[in-house]
N, C-alpha and C. Protein backbone atom coordinates (compact mmCIF):
# COMPACT_ATOMS: atom_id res chain seq x y z
N UNK A 1 2.78 29.08 -1.34
CA UNK A 1 2.35 27.63 -1.25
C UNK A 1 2.97 26.72 -2.22
N UNK A 2 3.52 25.78 -2.42
CA UNK A 2 4.00 24.98 -3.06
C UNK A 2 3.00 24.08 -3.56
N UNK A 3 2.86 23.80 -4.93
CA UNK A 3 1.73 22.75 -5.57
C UNK A 3 2.46 22.00 -6.64
N UNK A 4 1.75 20.92 -6.93
CA UNK A 4 1.84 19.90 -7.72
C UNK A 4 0.58 20.37 -8.72
N UNK A 5 0.96 20.52 -9.96
CA UNK A 5 -0.18 20.88 -11.08
C UNK A 5 -0.20 19.61 -11.87
N UNK A 6 -1.39 19.10 -12.07
CA UNK A 6 -1.60 17.96 -12.59
C UNK A 6 -2.57 18.31 -14.10
N UNK A 7 -2.22 17.71 -14.97
CA UNK A 7 -3.52 17.90 -16.08
C UNK A 7 -3.85 16.46 -16.63
N UNK A 8 -3.37 15.52 -16.33
CA UNK A 8 -3.58 14.28 -16.78
C UNK A 8 -4.89 13.92 -16.23
N UNK A 9 -5.78 13.08 -16.71
CA UNK A 9 -6.92 12.50 -16.21
C UNK A 9 -6.59 11.44 -15.00
N UNK A 10 -7.22 11.22 -14.18
CA UNK A 10 -7.15 10.11 -13.36
C UNK A 10 -8.12 8.84 -13.49
N UNK A 11 -8.19 7.68 -12.72
CA UNK A 11 -9.00 6.96 -12.98
C UNK A 11 -10.55 7.07 -12.85
N UNK A 12 -10.85 8.48 -12.19
CA UNK A 12 -12.27 8.77 -12.08
C UNK A 12 -12.45 9.73 -13.58
N UNK A 13 -11.90 9.90 -14.39
CA UNK A 13 -11.90 10.89 -15.21
C UNK A 13 -12.17 12.17 -14.98
N UNK A 14 -11.52 12.51 -13.81
CA UNK A 14 -11.64 13.89 -13.39
C UNK A 14 -10.45 14.57 -14.01
N UNK A 15 -10.28 15.67 -14.26
CA UNK A 15 -9.17 16.36 -14.65
C UNK A 15 -8.65 17.41 -13.77
N UNK A 16 -7.29 17.16 -13.35
CA UNK A 16 -6.76 18.37 -12.23
C UNK A 16 -5.87 19.21 -12.93
N UNK A 17 -6.63 20.38 -13.23
CA UNK A 17 -5.99 21.52 -13.56
C UNK A 17 -5.61 22.45 -12.23
N UNK A 18 -6.10 22.13 -11.30
CA UNK A 18 -6.05 23.14 -9.90
C UNK A 18 -4.51 22.44 -9.35
N UNK A 19 -3.83 23.38 -8.86
CA UNK A 19 -2.61 23.08 -8.07
C UNK A 19 -2.95 22.27 -6.81
N UNK A 20 -2.38 21.51 -6.39
CA UNK A 20 -2.43 20.55 -5.22
C UNK A 20 -1.29 20.63 -4.45
N UNK A 21 -1.52 20.62 -3.07
CA UNK A 21 -0.33 21.01 -2.38
C UNK A 21 0.75 19.97 -2.39
N UNK A 22 2.10 20.04 -1.81
CA UNK A 22 3.07 19.30 -1.95
C UNK A 22 3.11 18.79 -0.41
N UNK A 23 2.45 17.96 -0.08
CA UNK A 23 2.12 17.52 1.49
C UNK A 23 3.23 17.36 2.28
N UNK A 24 4.44 17.11 1.96
CA UNK A 24 5.69 17.08 2.48
C UNK A 24 6.14 18.38 3.15
N UNK A 25 6.14 19.24 2.03
CA UNK A 25 6.32 20.71 2.39
C UNK A 25 5.33 21.49 3.31
N UNK A 26 4.02 21.13 3.00
CA UNK A 26 3.05 21.80 3.75
C UNK A 26 3.15 21.55 5.14
N UNK A 27 3.17 20.01 5.37
CA UNK A 27 3.14 19.75 7.01
C UNK A 27 4.05 18.43 7.02
N UNK A 28 5.57 19.15 7.19
CA UNK A 28 6.66 18.32 7.18
C UNK A 28 6.72 17.50 8.70
N UNK A 29 6.01 18.22 9.46
CA UNK A 29 6.23 17.42 10.85
C UNK A 29 5.45 15.83 10.76
N UNK A 30 4.11 16.21 10.11
CA UNK A 30 3.02 15.25 10.07
C UNK A 30 3.83 14.16 8.83
N UNK A 31 4.29 14.50 7.85
CA UNK A 31 4.98 13.84 6.83
C UNK A 31 6.25 12.83 7.57
N UNK A 32 6.93 13.43 8.31
CA UNK A 32 8.12 12.75 9.20
C UNK A 32 7.57 11.67 10.09
N UNK A 33 6.60 11.97 10.67
CA UNK A 33 5.90 11.16 11.64
C UNK A 33 5.38 9.99 10.73
N UNK A 34 4.77 10.26 9.81
CA UNK A 34 4.14 8.99 8.93
C UNK A 34 5.38 8.41 8.30
N UNK A 35 6.60 8.92 8.00
CA UNK A 35 7.69 7.96 7.53
C UNK A 35 8.34 7.31 8.82
N UNK A 36 8.23 7.80 10.06
CA UNK A 36 8.58 6.99 11.21
C UNK A 36 7.66 5.95 11.23
N UNK A 37 6.45 6.03 11.17
CA UNK A 37 5.47 5.13 11.43
C UNK A 37 5.39 3.92 10.29
N UNK A 38 6.04 4.41 9.35
CA UNK A 38 6.18 3.48 7.92
C UNK A 38 7.24 2.59 8.50
N UNK A 39 8.49 3.01 9.07
CA UNK A 39 9.57 2.53 9.09
C UNK A 39 9.49 1.72 10.29
N UNK A 40 8.73 1.88 11.33
CA UNK A 40 8.39 0.95 12.45
C UNK A 40 7.56 -0.08 12.25
N UNK A 41 6.73 0.15 11.17
CA UNK A 41 5.76 -1.07 10.81
C UNK A 41 6.40 -2.09 10.11
N UNK A 42 7.45 -1.67 9.20
CA UNK A 42 8.22 -2.72 8.58
C UNK A 42 9.13 -3.41 9.21
N UNK A 43 9.44 -2.92 10.58
CA UNK A 43 10.68 -4.07 11.29
C UNK A 43 10.09 -5.11 11.73
N UNK A 44 11.02 -6.33 11.43
CA UNK A 44 10.88 -7.55 11.61
C UNK A 44 9.98 -8.24 10.53
N UNK A 45 9.47 -7.40 9.61
CA UNK A 45 8.80 -8.24 8.45
C UNK A 45 9.64 -8.47 7.19
N UNK A 46 9.38 -9.53 6.61
CA UNK A 46 10.19 -9.98 5.36
C UNK A 46 9.78 -8.89 4.32
N UNK A 47 10.75 -8.55 3.57
CA UNK A 47 10.71 -7.11 2.65
C UNK A 47 9.70 -7.49 1.58
N UNK A 48 9.94 -8.77 1.09
CA UNK A 48 8.87 -9.24 0.03
C UNK A 48 7.22 -9.01 0.48
N UNK A 49 7.23 -9.76 1.59
CA UNK A 49 5.66 -9.50 2.27
C UNK A 49 5.21 -7.78 2.33
N UNK A 50 6.21 -7.02 2.89
CA UNK A 50 6.18 -5.63 2.77
C UNK A 50 5.48 -5.07 1.71
N UNK A 51 6.07 -5.60 0.41
CA UNK A 51 5.73 -4.81 -0.82
C UNK A 51 4.42 -5.65 -1.53
N UNK A 52 4.18 -6.67 -1.06
CA UNK A 52 3.09 -7.49 -1.42
C UNK A 52 1.83 -6.58 -0.86
N UNK A 53 1.99 -6.49 0.38
CA UNK A 53 0.96 -5.65 1.19
C UNK A 53 0.90 -4.54 0.54
N UNK A 54 1.70 -3.61 0.16
CA UNK A 54 1.78 -2.39 -0.22
C UNK A 54 1.15 -2.56 -1.69
N UNK A 55 1.37 -3.53 -2.52
CA UNK A 55 0.93 -3.58 -3.73
C UNK A 55 -0.60 -4.00 -3.77
N UNK A 56 -0.96 -4.75 -2.80
CA UNK A 56 -2.50 -5.10 -2.76
C UNK A 56 -3.23 -4.11 -2.39
N UNK A 57 -2.85 -3.46 -1.50
CA UNK A 57 -3.68 -2.16 -0.87
C UNK A 57 -3.65 -1.09 -1.95
N UNK A 58 -2.58 -0.71 -2.82
CA UNK A 58 -2.44 0.15 -3.81
C UNK A 58 -3.54 -0.12 -4.91
N UNK A 59 -3.53 -1.58 -5.40
CA UNK A 59 -4.59 -1.70 -6.23
C UNK A 59 -5.89 -1.46 -5.76
N UNK A 60 -6.26 -2.05 -4.69
CA UNK A 60 -7.57 -1.73 -3.94
C UNK A 60 -7.92 -0.36 -4.01
N UNK A 61 -7.12 0.58 -3.68
CA UNK A 61 -7.37 2.05 -3.79
C UNK A 61 -7.24 3.01 -4.73
N UNK A 62 -6.69 2.22 -5.87
CA UNK A 62 -6.66 2.67 -7.43
C UNK A 62 -5.53 3.81 -7.16
N UNK A 63 -4.30 3.54 -6.53
CA UNK A 63 -3.42 4.64 -6.35
C UNK A 63 -2.18 3.97 -7.34
N UNK A 64 -2.15 4.58 -8.70
CA UNK A 64 -1.34 4.49 -9.32
C UNK A 64 0.17 4.84 -9.00
N UNK A 65 0.19 5.86 -8.24
CA UNK A 65 1.67 6.48 -8.00
C UNK A 65 2.17 5.57 -6.91
N UNK A 66 1.51 4.93 -5.94
CA UNK A 66 2.12 3.98 -5.21
C UNK A 66 2.36 2.37 -5.94
N UNK A 67 1.35 2.19 -6.58
CA UNK A 67 1.50 1.08 -6.96
C UNK A 67 2.89 0.74 -7.92
N UNK A 68 3.12 1.78 -8.87
CA UNK A 68 3.98 2.09 -9.71
C UNK A 68 5.54 1.91 -8.72
N UNK A 69 5.40 2.70 -7.44
CA UNK A 69 6.49 2.76 -6.51
C UNK A 69 6.95 1.21 -6.26
N UNK A 70 5.81 0.63 -5.66
CA UNK A 70 5.97 -0.53 -4.87
C UNK A 70 6.23 -1.76 -5.77
N UNK A 71 5.90 -1.61 -6.83
CA UNK A 71 6.19 -2.69 -7.81
C UNK A 71 7.64 -2.65 -8.36
N UNK A 72 8.12 -1.41 -8.33
CA UNK A 72 9.55 -1.22 -9.08
C UNK A 72 10.33 -1.55 -7.55
N UNK A 73 9.98 -1.22 -6.46
CA UNK A 73 10.68 -1.66 -5.36
C UNK A 73 10.91 -3.12 -5.05
N UNK A 74 9.58 -3.86 -5.19
CA UNK A 74 9.75 -5.25 -5.34
C UNK A 74 10.58 -5.90 -6.34
N UNK A 75 10.59 -5.51 -7.62
CA UNK A 75 11.54 -5.80 -8.50
C UNK A 75 12.82 -5.89 -8.21
N UNK A 76 13.38 -4.52 -7.70
CA UNK A 76 14.53 -4.19 -7.32
C UNK A 76 15.04 -5.26 -6.21
N UNK A 77 13.93 -5.65 -5.43
CA UNK A 77 14.31 -6.52 -4.10
C UNK A 77 14.24 -8.07 -4.76
N UNK A 78 14.07 -8.35 -6.07
CA UNK A 78 14.18 -9.62 -6.61
C UNK A 78 12.87 -10.40 -6.78
N UNK A 79 11.95 -9.63 -6.55
CA UNK A 79 10.45 -9.93 -6.87
C UNK A 79 10.39 -10.72 -8.14
N UNK A 80 9.49 -11.52 -8.58
CA UNK A 80 9.48 -12.31 -9.80
C UNK A 80 8.30 -11.60 -10.69
N UNK A 81 8.41 -11.48 -11.74
CA UNK A 81 7.32 -11.26 -12.57
C UNK A 81 6.12 -11.59 -12.57
N UNK A 82 5.97 -12.86 -12.49
CA UNK A 82 4.96 -13.41 -12.23
C UNK A 82 4.25 -13.33 -10.93
N UNK A 83 4.81 -13.47 -9.94
CA UNK A 83 4.18 -12.98 -8.45
C UNK A 83 3.56 -11.52 -8.55
N UNK A 84 4.24 -10.67 -9.08
CA UNK A 84 3.70 -9.37 -9.30
C UNK A 84 2.52 -9.12 -10.12
N UNK A 85 2.47 -9.98 -11.05
CA UNK A 85 1.17 -9.93 -11.99
C UNK A 85 0.08 -10.89 -11.50
N UNK A 86 0.29 -11.55 -10.35
CA UNK A 86 -0.52 -12.33 -9.61
C UNK A 86 -1.27 -11.58 -8.24
N UNK A 87 -0.69 -10.87 -7.88
CA UNK A 87 -1.06 -10.15 -6.52
C UNK A 87 -2.77 -9.68 -6.76
N UNK A 88 -3.04 -8.89 -7.75
CA UNK A 88 -4.38 -8.55 -7.84
C UNK A 88 -5.34 -9.80 -7.93
N UNK A 89 -5.11 -10.74 -8.32
CA UNK A 89 -5.98 -12.12 -8.51
C UNK A 89 -5.27 -13.31 -7.40
N UNK A 90 -4.61 -12.87 -6.29
CA UNK A 90 -3.98 -13.85 -5.75
C UNK A 90 -4.96 -15.21 -4.95
N UNK A 91 -6.33 -14.78 -5.09
CA UNK A 91 -7.32 -15.80 -4.39
C UNK A 91 -7.14 -16.97 -5.70
N UNK A 92 -7.19 -16.61 -6.93
CA UNK A 92 -7.01 -17.75 -7.93
C UNK A 92 -6.01 -18.21 -8.32
N UNK A 93 -4.83 -17.57 -7.56
CA UNK A 93 -3.42 -17.85 -7.80
C UNK A 93 -2.74 -18.24 -6.70
N UNK A 94 -3.21 -18.81 -5.73
CA UNK A 94 -2.50 -19.01 -4.36
C UNK A 94 -1.29 -19.89 -4.76
N UNK A 95 -1.11 -20.60 -5.51
CA UNK A 95 0.29 -21.64 -5.60
C UNK A 95 1.42 -20.68 -5.72
N UNK A 96 1.24 -19.36 -6.10
CA UNK A 96 2.21 -18.46 -6.18
C UNK A 96 2.63 -17.87 -4.67
N UNK A 97 1.95 -18.07 -4.05
CA UNK A 97 2.06 -17.12 -2.48
C UNK A 97 2.22 -18.33 -1.41
N UNK A 98 2.66 -17.95 -0.41
CA UNK A 98 2.85 -18.85 0.71
C UNK A 98 1.69 -18.79 1.75
N UNK A 99 1.14 -19.69 2.60
CA UNK A 99 0.18 -19.46 3.47
C UNK A 99 0.16 -18.22 4.26
N UNK A 100 1.37 -17.75 4.56
CA UNK A 100 1.36 -16.57 5.31
C UNK A 100 1.19 -15.18 4.36
N UNK A 101 1.59 -15.40 3.10
CA UNK A 101 1.35 -14.19 2.46
C UNK A 101 -0.20 -14.06 1.88
N UNK A 102 -0.68 -15.30 2.09
CA UNK A 102 -2.13 -15.09 1.40
C UNK A 102 -2.98 -14.64 2.75
N UNK A 103 -2.63 -15.01 3.82
CA UNK A 103 -3.29 -14.38 4.96
C UNK A 103 -2.99 -12.89 5.09
N UNK A 104 -2.04 -12.65 4.77
CA UNK A 104 -1.65 -11.11 4.79
C UNK A 104 -2.52 -10.43 3.87
N UNK A 105 -2.62 -11.20 2.63
CA UNK A 105 -3.21 -10.29 1.12
C UNK A 105 -4.66 -10.22 1.80
N UNK A 106 -5.11 -11.25 2.43
CA UNK A 106 -6.50 -11.41 2.84
C UNK A 106 -7.14 -10.20 3.82
N UNK A 107 -6.19 -10.13 4.74
CA UNK A 107 -6.11 -9.18 5.89
C UNK A 107 -6.00 -7.61 5.48
N UNK A 108 -5.13 -7.59 4.26
CA UNK A 108 -5.02 -6.16 3.35
C UNK A 108 -6.22 -5.62 2.82
N UNK A 109 -7.11 -6.74 2.51
CA UNK A 109 -7.90 -6.42 1.69
C UNK A 109 -9.17 -6.15 2.77
N UNK A 110 -9.38 -6.83 3.74
CA UNK A 110 -10.51 -6.57 4.92
C UNK A 110 -10.30 -5.23 5.40
N UNK A 111 -8.68 -4.98 5.76
CA UNK A 111 -8.67 -3.71 6.32
C UNK A 111 -8.83 -2.45 5.48
N UNK A 112 -8.29 -2.51 4.11
CA UNK A 112 -8.58 -1.64 3.21
C UNK A 112 -9.79 -1.30 2.94
N UNK A 113 -10.67 -2.27 2.88
CA UNK A 113 -12.20 -2.11 2.45
C UNK A 113 -13.04 -2.14 3.70
N UNK A 114 -12.51 -1.76 4.69
CA UNK A 114 -13.17 -1.96 6.16
C UNK A 114 -14.67 -1.59 6.13
N UNK A 115 -14.82 -0.54 5.57
CA UNK A 115 -16.41 -0.05 5.34
C UNK A 115 -17.26 -0.95 4.79
N UNK A 116 -16.92 -2.14 3.93
CA UNK A 116 -17.56 -3.32 3.45
C UNK A 116 -17.92 -4.09 4.14
N UNK A 117 -17.88 -4.24 5.72
CA UNK A 117 -18.32 -5.14 6.56
C UNK A 117 -16.91 -5.52 7.77
N UNK A 118 -16.11 -4.34 7.92
CA UNK A 118 -15.17 -4.92 8.78
C UNK A 118 -14.07 -5.89 8.40
N UNK A 119 -13.35 -6.22 9.40
CA UNK A 119 -12.54 -7.38 9.25
C UNK A 119 -13.21 -8.77 9.87
N UNK A 120 -13.59 -9.97 8.81
CA UNK A 120 -14.42 -10.96 9.10
C UNK A 120 -13.28 -11.71 10.37
N UNK A 121 -14.10 -12.46 11.16
CA UNK A 121 -13.45 -13.26 12.22
C UNK A 121 -12.22 -14.32 11.38
N UNK A 122 -12.93 -14.91 10.67
CA UNK A 122 -12.24 -16.00 9.70
C UNK A 122 -10.95 -15.26 9.21
N UNK A 123 -11.07 -13.99 8.62
CA UNK A 123 -9.89 -13.28 8.06
C UNK A 123 -8.87 -13.06 9.05
N UNK A 124 -9.38 -12.53 10.24
CA UNK A 124 -8.34 -12.33 11.60
C UNK A 124 -7.85 -13.55 11.77
N UNK A 125 -8.49 -14.43 12.35
CA UNK A 125 -8.32 -15.85 12.63
C UNK A 125 -7.04 -16.40 11.75
N UNK A 126 -7.13 -16.32 10.53
CA UNK A 126 -6.17 -17.09 9.45
C UNK A 126 -4.64 -16.13 9.67
N UNK A 127 -4.82 -14.73 9.75
CA UNK A 127 -3.80 -13.87 10.00
C UNK A 127 -2.96 -14.16 11.33
N UNK A 128 -3.82 -14.64 12.47
CA UNK A 128 -3.37 -14.82 13.67
C UNK A 128 -2.68 -15.97 13.86
N UNK A 129 -2.95 -16.76 13.19
CA UNK A 129 -2.58 -18.28 12.96
C UNK A 129 -1.25 -18.26 12.07
N UNK A 130 -1.01 -17.43 11.42
CA UNK A 130 0.10 -17.28 10.56
C UNK A 130 1.31 -16.24 10.98
N UNK A 131 0.89 -15.54 11.98
CA UNK A 131 1.92 -14.45 12.24
C UNK A 131 1.99 -14.47 13.80
N UNK A 132 3.00 -14.18 14.70
CA UNK A 132 2.88 -14.12 16.00
C UNK A 132 2.18 -12.83 16.38
N UNK A 133 1.93 -12.43 17.57
CA UNK A 133 1.49 -11.24 17.91
C UNK A 133 1.92 -9.99 17.40
N UNK A 134 3.36 -9.96 17.69
CA UNK A 134 4.02 -8.56 17.46
C UNK A 134 4.24 -8.54 15.61
N UNK A 135 4.43 -9.86 15.06
CA UNK A 135 4.41 -9.72 13.47
C UNK A 135 2.72 -9.20 13.18
N UNK A 136 1.80 -9.65 13.49
CA UNK A 136 0.53 -9.15 13.35
C UNK A 136 0.33 -7.91 13.38
N UNK A 137 0.88 -7.32 14.84
CA UNK A 137 0.76 -5.79 14.83
C UNK A 137 1.64 -4.99 13.91
N UNK A 138 2.43 -5.45 13.49
CA UNK A 138 3.50 -4.99 12.32
C UNK A 138 2.80 -4.82 11.12
N UNK A 139 2.08 -6.09 10.69
CA UNK A 139 1.18 -6.11 9.43
C UNK A 139 0.15 -5.41 9.60
N UNK A 140 -0.36 -5.18 10.54
CA UNK A 140 -1.78 -4.26 10.70
C UNK A 140 -1.14 -2.82 10.72
N UNK A 141 0.06 -2.63 11.09
CA UNK A 141 0.35 -1.11 11.22
C UNK A 141 0.70 -0.72 9.85
N UNK A 142 1.48 -1.88 8.76
CA UNK A 142 1.88 -1.55 7.45
C UNK A 142 0.73 -1.27 6.67
N UNK A 143 -0.40 -2.12 6.74
CA UNK A 143 -1.83 -1.97 6.10
C UNK A 143 -2.24 -0.48 6.44
N UNK A 144 -2.13 -0.25 7.70
CA UNK A 144 -2.60 1.28 8.04
C UNK A 144 -1.81 2.48 7.19
N UNK A 145 -0.09 2.08 7.27
CA UNK A 145 0.40 3.39 6.68
C UNK A 145 0.16 3.15 5.32
N UNK A 146 0.11 2.08 4.49
CA UNK A 146 -0.06 2.13 3.08
C UNK A 146 -1.28 2.74 2.80
N UNK A 147 -2.25 2.63 3.32
CA UNK A 147 -3.56 3.06 3.03
C UNK A 147 -3.55 4.81 3.30
N UNK A 148 -2.82 5.12 4.41
CA UNK A 148 -2.57 6.67 4.70
C UNK A 148 -1.99 7.00 3.51
N UNK A 149 -0.80 6.42 2.96
CA UNK A 149 -0.02 6.98 1.86
C UNK A 149 -0.79 7.07 0.60
N UNK A 150 -1.68 5.94 0.01
CA UNK A 150 -2.39 5.91 -0.78
C UNK A 150 -3.37 7.32 -0.59
N UNK A 151 -4.04 7.52 0.26
CA UNK A 151 -4.98 8.65 0.21
C UNK A 151 -4.35 10.33 0.35
N UNK A 152 -2.97 10.15 0.58
CA UNK A 152 -2.28 11.26 0.52
C UNK A 152 -1.87 11.47 -0.96
N UNK A 153 -1.37 10.37 -1.54
CA UNK A 153 -0.84 10.44 -3.19
C UNK A 153 -2.11 10.91 -3.83
N UNK A 154 -3.30 10.28 -3.78
CA UNK A 154 -4.70 10.33 -4.31
C UNK A 154 -5.04 11.75 -4.43
N UNK A 155 -5.04 12.10 -2.84
CA UNK A 155 -5.91 13.68 -2.62
C UNK A 155 -5.15 14.94 -3.05
N UNK A 156 -3.65 14.51 -3.11
CA UNK A 156 -2.65 15.31 -3.78
C UNK A 156 -2.42 15.21 -5.30
N UNK A 157 -2.90 14.08 -5.84
CA UNK A 157 -2.75 14.13 -7.46
C UNK A 157 -1.50 13.63 -7.69
N UNK A 158 -0.85 12.84 -6.97
CA UNK A 158 0.49 12.22 -7.28
C UNK A 158 0.60 11.63 -8.76
N UNK A 159 1.29 11.75 -9.52
CA UNK A 159 1.40 10.98 -10.96
C UNK A 159 2.30 9.78 -10.73
N UNK A 160 1.88 8.76 -11.22
CA UNK A 160 2.46 7.38 -11.51
C UNK A 160 3.93 7.70 -12.14
N UNK A 161 4.86 7.26 -11.73
CA UNK A 161 6.33 7.18 -12.45
C UNK A 161 7.32 8.46 -12.23
N UNK A 162 6.77 9.12 -10.98
CA UNK A 162 7.10 10.36 -10.51
C UNK A 162 7.84 10.02 -9.26
N UNK A 163 8.32 9.20 -8.66
CA UNK A 163 8.71 8.87 -7.21
C UNK A 163 9.60 9.71 -6.99
N UNK A 164 9.07 10.50 -5.80
CA UNK A 164 9.76 11.63 -5.21
C UNK A 164 10.89 11.34 -4.03
N UNK A 165 10.95 9.99 -3.63
CA UNK A 165 11.54 9.59 -2.56
C UNK A 165 13.18 9.91 -2.72
N UNK A 166 13.97 10.14 -1.96
CA UNK A 166 15.34 10.80 -2.06
C UNK A 166 16.08 9.67 -1.51
């Protein structure tokens, strides 16, 4: 079995000295399926919007591995430092984001925190007003994929700054 050994403390102050699986190697078919789902979800969406959604979900899930990866991807794609710094507080900094981006960020929060009360009708209606049905389905799919990636990274103790994509 291939493992990742982590000795640094995570955000919950737990130390990981037990080896964790390398998910891609342990379940390659599942991993490839997730990559395909992720790629399909992105189709037709503005790459800047994709990164904003992934960054916000990663904030909410406390996933430093994915947050580091997606903020770097956003920078490489030309995203401004100002907007990157404002994603976590977008409601107080709406002037940094378009109405469509705000709707996507609100939907990202509602879906990511779904156990806290589901997706409110007003949040869904706002997103539906900003996106056509196909775009909205892709936004929802992207939110689902980043939440899955966050959970994989957190449960297998991925370390921020060690982007393993090839």
